[in-house]
Amino acid sequence: MKIKLDENIPVRLRNILGDFGHQVDTVPDEGLQGRIDSNIWAATQDASAFLITQDLDFSDIRQFRPGTHHGIMLVRLRDPGAGALAERIRSIFESEAVVTWQGCLVIATERKIRVRRPDA
């Protein structure tokens, strides 16, 4: 699975998710940090990648309707420090069938994972 990590997601996840067999790019590695959401989104879609972010702007299902993109995971933790984010995302990728989430909007918190599938 191709994945793009937004600039608000720890870069160390590139190697962790890569160890799970995913192809991972990061917004900072591509020189996109500080760019507007539409630039990040265009780069993500051009790469046919699944976006992992904390940016609530990507949660608008009217604009990012499931099935019209390659997938978004919005991570919302009460304490979103780098260690907590990395651990939560690692545990999700270790325990869930994330490859089935392409085209979906996924909201991940400390306790729950909600998957909004196309035409759901």
C-alpha atoms as a PDB file:
ATOM      1  CA  MET A   1       0.000   0.000   0.000  1.00  0.00           C
ATOM      2  CA  LYS A   2       1.289   3.488  -0.820  1.00  0.00           C
ATOM      3  CA  ILE A   3       1.108   5.837   2.162  1.00  0.00           C
ATOM      4  CA  LYS A   4       1.822   9.537   2.598  1.00  0.00           C
ATOM      5  CA  LEU A   5       2.482  10.865   6.099  1.00  0.00           C
ATOM      6  CA  ASP A   6       1.392  14.454   6.638  1.00  0.00           C
ATOM      7  CA  GLU A   7       3.838  16.793   8.353  1.00  0.00           C
ATOM      8  CA  ASN A   8       1.947  16.419  11.659  1.00  0.00           C
ATOM      9  CA  ILE A   9       2.696  12.670  11.805  1.00  0.00           C
ATOM     10  CA  PRO A  10       6.073  11.426  13.138  1.00  0.00           C
ATOM     11  CA  VAL A  11       8.536  10.754  10.314  1.00  0.00           C
ATOM     12  CA  ARG A  12       9.838   7.685  12.185  1.00  0.00           C
ATOM     13  CA  LEU A  13       6.660   5.906  11.039  1.00  0.00           C
ATOM     14  CA  ARG A  14       8.126   5.785   7.518  1.00  0.00           C
ATOM     15  CA  ASN A  15      10.450   2.962   8.585  1.00  0.00           C
ATOM     16  CA  ILE A  16       7.937   1.285  10.909  1.00  0.00           C
ATOM     17  CA  LEU A  17       5.223   1.118   8.249  1.00  0.00           C
ATOM     18  CA  GLY A  18       7.835   0.224   5.651  1.00  0.00           C
ATOM     19  CA  ASP A  19       8.711  -2.816   7.775  1.00  0.00           C
ATOM     20  CA  PHE A  20       5.056  -3.875   7.392  1.00  0.00           C
ATOM     21  CA  GLY A  21       5.578  -3.845   3.622  1.00  0.00           C
ATOM     22  CA  HIS A  22       4.128  -0.436   2.769  1.00  0.00           C
ATOM     23  CA  GLN A  23       5.685   2.181   0.490  1.00  0.00           C
ATOM     24  CA  VAL A  24       5.809   5.331   2.628  1.00  0.00           C
ATOM     25  CA  ASP A  25       6.528   8.931   1.643  1.00  0.00           C
ATOM     26  CA  THR A  26       6.388  11.973   3.899  1.00  0.00           C
ATOM     27  CA  VAL A  27       5.322  15.546   3.303  1.00  0.00           C
ATOM     28  CA  PRO A  28       8.661  16.879   4.689  1.00  0.00           C
ATOM     29  CA  ASP A  29      10.722  14.551   2.473  1.00  0.00           C
ATOM     30  CA  GLU A  30       8.901  15.921  -0.561  1.00  0.00           C
ATOM     31  CA  GLY A  31       9.455  19.546   0.448  1.00  0.00           C
ATOM     32  CA  LEU A  32       5.738  20.111   0.991  1.00  0.00           C
ATOM     33  CA  GLN A  33       5.791  21.159   4.652  1.00  0.00           C
ATOM     34  CA  GLY A  34       3.914  24.393   5.255  1.00  0.00           C
ATOM     35  CA  ARG A  35       1.994  24.066   1.998  1.00  0.00           C
ATOM     36  CA  ILE A  36      -1.769  24.469   1.854  1.00  0.00           C
ATOM     37  CA  ASP A  37      -3.986  21.398   2.149  1.00  0.00           C
ATOM     38  CA  SER A  38      -4.857  21.413  -1.548  1.00  0.00           C
ATOM     39  CA  ASN A  39      -1.155  20.995  -2.428  1.00  0.00           C
ATOM     40  CA  ILE A  40      -0.783  18.120   0.031  1.00  0.00           C
ATOM     41  CA  TRP A  41      -3.955  16.532  -1.295  1.00  0.00           C
ATOM     42  CA  ALA A  42      -2.875  16.849  -4.933  1.00  0.00           C
ATOM     43  CA  ALA A  43       0.508  15.270  -4.179  1.00  0.00           C
ATOM     44  CA  THR A  44      -1.180  12.463  -2.257  1.00  0.00           C
ATOM     45  CA  GLN A  45      -3.619  11.703  -5.059  1.00  0.00           C
ATOM     46  CA  ASP A  46      -0.933  11.993  -7.754  1.00  0.00           C
ATOM     47  CA  ALA A  47       0.981   9.308  -5.841  1.00  0.00           C
ATOM     48  CA  SER A  48      -2.182   7.149  -5.437  1.00  0.00           C
ATOM     49  CA  ALA A  49      -1.424   7.176  -1.714  1.00  0.00           C
ATOM     50  CA  PHE A  50      -3.353   6.727   1.524  1.00  0.00           C
ATOM     51  CA  LEU A  51      -2.968   9.900   3.617  1.00  0.00           C
ATOM     52  CA  ILE A  52      -2.320   9.720   7.364  1.00  0.00           C
ATOM     53  CA  THR A  53      -2.900  13.055   9.099  1.00  0.00           C
ATOM     54  CA  GLN A  54      -4.157  14.870  12.179  1.00  0.00           C
ATOM     55  CA  ASP A  55      -5.570  17.717  10.079  1.00  0.00           C
ATOM     56  CA  LEU A  56      -9.328  18.000  10.669  1.00  0.00           C
ATOM     57  CA  ASP A  57      -9.786  19.695   7.295  1.00  0.00           C
ATOM     58  CA  PHE A  58      -9.484  16.239   5.719  1.00  0.00           C
ATOM     59  CA  SER A  59     -12.473  14.946   7.721  1.00  0.00           C
ATOM     60  CA  ASP A  60     -15.093  16.752   5.606  1.00  0.00           C
ATOM     61  CA  ILE A  61     -16.816  13.872   3.798  1.00  0.00           C
ATOM     62  CA  ARG A  62     -18.546  16.306   1.448  1.00  0.00           C
ATOM     63  CA  GLN A  63     -15.160  17.317   0.080  1.00  0.00           C
ATOM     64  CA  PHE A  64     -13.376  13.980   0.637  1.00  0.00           C
ATOM     65  CA  ARG A  65     -16.201  11.537  -0.059  1.00  0.00           C
ATOM     66  CA  PRO A  66     -15.144   7.907   0.455  1.00  0.00           C
ATOM     67  CA  GLY A  67     -14.552   6.191  -2.853  1.00  0.00           C
ATOM     68  CA  THR A  68     -13.310   9.351  -4.594  1.00  0.00           C
ATOM     69  CA  HIS A  69      -9.743   9.105  -3.294  1.00  0.00           C
ATOM     70  CA  HIS A  70      -7.135   6.573  -2.155  1.00  0.00           C
ATOM     71  CA  GLY A  71      -7.982   6.804   1.538  1.00  0.00           C
ATOM     72  CA  ILE A  72      -7.498   9.038   4.559  1.00  0.00           C
ATOM     73  CA  MET A  73      -6.724   8.148   8.157  1.00  0.00           C
ATOM     74  CA  LEU A  74      -7.415  10.978  10.572  1.00  0.00           C
ATOM     75  CA  VAL A  75      -5.738  10.336  13.918  1.00  0.00           C
ATOM     76  CA  ARG A  76      -7.303  12.139  16.879  1.00  0.00           C
ATOM     77  CA  LEU A  77      -5.618  11.523  20.221  1.00  0.00           C
ATOM     78  CA  ARG A  78      -6.173  13.453  23.451  1.00  0.00           C
ATOM     79  CA  ASP A  79      -2.407  13.662  23.940  1.00  0.00           C
ATOM     80  CA  PRO A  80      -1.018  13.745  20.394  1.00  0.00           C
ATOM     81  CA  GLY A  81       2.666  13.691  21.251  1.00  0.00           C
ATOM     82  CA  ALA A  82       5.026  12.090  18.725  1.00  0.00           C
ATOM     83  CA  GLY A  83       5.465   8.932  20.808  1.00  0.00           C
ATOM     84  CA  ALA A  84       1.746   8.410  21.344  1.00  0.00           C
ATOM     85  CA  LEU A  85       0.986   9.009  17.656  1.00  0.00           C
ATOM     86  CA  ALA A  86       3.680   6.643  16.476  1.00  0.00           C
ATOM     87  CA  GLU A  87       2.583   3.912  18.883  1.00  0.00           C
ATOM     88  CA  ARG A  88      -1.112   4.206  18.045  1.00  0.00           C
ATOM     89  CA  ILE A  89      -0.542   4.154  14.293  1.00  0.00           C
ATOM     90  CA  ARG A  90       1.938   1.270  14.593  1.00  0.00           C
ATOM     91  CA  SER A  91      -0.551  -0.759  16.629  1.00  0.00           C
ATOM     92  CA  ILE A  92      -3.314  -0.101  14.107  1.00  0.00           C
ATOM     93  CA  PHE A  93      -1.160  -1.258  11.208  1.00  0.00           C
ATOM     94  CA  GLU A  94      -0.070  -4.299  13.195  1.00  0.00           C
ATOM     95  CA  SER A  95      -3.580  -5.422  14.160  1.00  0.00           C
ATOM     96  CA  GLU A  96      -5.982  -4.213  11.453  1.00  0.00           C
ATOM     97  CA  ALA A  97      -6.549  -5.084   7.792  1.00  0.00           C
ATOM     98  CA  VAL A  98      -5.519  -1.602   6.674  1.00  0.00           C
ATOM     99  CA  VAL A  99      -5.198  -2.577   3.007  1.00  0.00           C
ATOM    100  CA  THR A 100      -8.998  -2.873   2.943  1.00  0.00           C
ATOM    101  CA  TRP A 101      -9.235   0.824   3.829  1.00  0.00           C
ATOM    102  CA  GLN A 102      -8.203   2.181   0.439  1.00  0.00           C
ATOM    103  CA  GLY A 103     -10.843   4.699  -0.610  1.00  0.00           C
ATOM    104  CA  CYS A 104     -12.165   4.993   2.961  1.00  0.00           C
ATOM    105  CA  LEU A 105     -12.167   7.710   5.594  1.00  0.00           C
ATOM    106  CA  VAL A 106     -10.777   6.242   8.816  1.00  0.00           C
ATOM    107  CA  ILE A 107     -11.006   8.050  12.146  1.00  0.00           C
ATOM    108  CA  ALA A 108      -8.680   6.620  14.786  1.00  0.00           C
ATOM    109  CA  THR A 109      -8.759   7.581  18.462  1.00  0.00           C
ATOM    110  CA  GLU A 110      -7.189   5.963  21.513  1.00  0.00           C
ATOM    111  CA  ARG A 111     -10.086   3.536  21.840  1.00  0.00           C
ATOM    112  CA  LYS A 112     -11.863   3.325  18.513  1.00  0.00           C
ATOM    113  CA  ILE A 113     -11.391   2.999  14.811  1.00  0.00           C
ATOM    114  CA  ARG A 114     -14.299   4.129  12.641  1.00  0.00           C
ATOM    115  CA  VAL A 115     -14.181   3.290   8.962  1.00  0.00           C
ATOM    116  CA  ARG A 116     -16.435   5.120   6.537  1.00  0.00           C
ATOM    117  CA  ARG A 117     -16.491   3.065   3.366  1.00  0.00           C
ATOM    118  CA  PRO A 118     -17.588   4.154  -0.112  1.00  0.00           C
ATOM    119  CA  ASP A 119     -21.385   4.292  -0.435  1.00  0.00           C
ATOM    120  CA  ALA A 120     -21.826   3.663   3.293  1.00  0.00           C
END
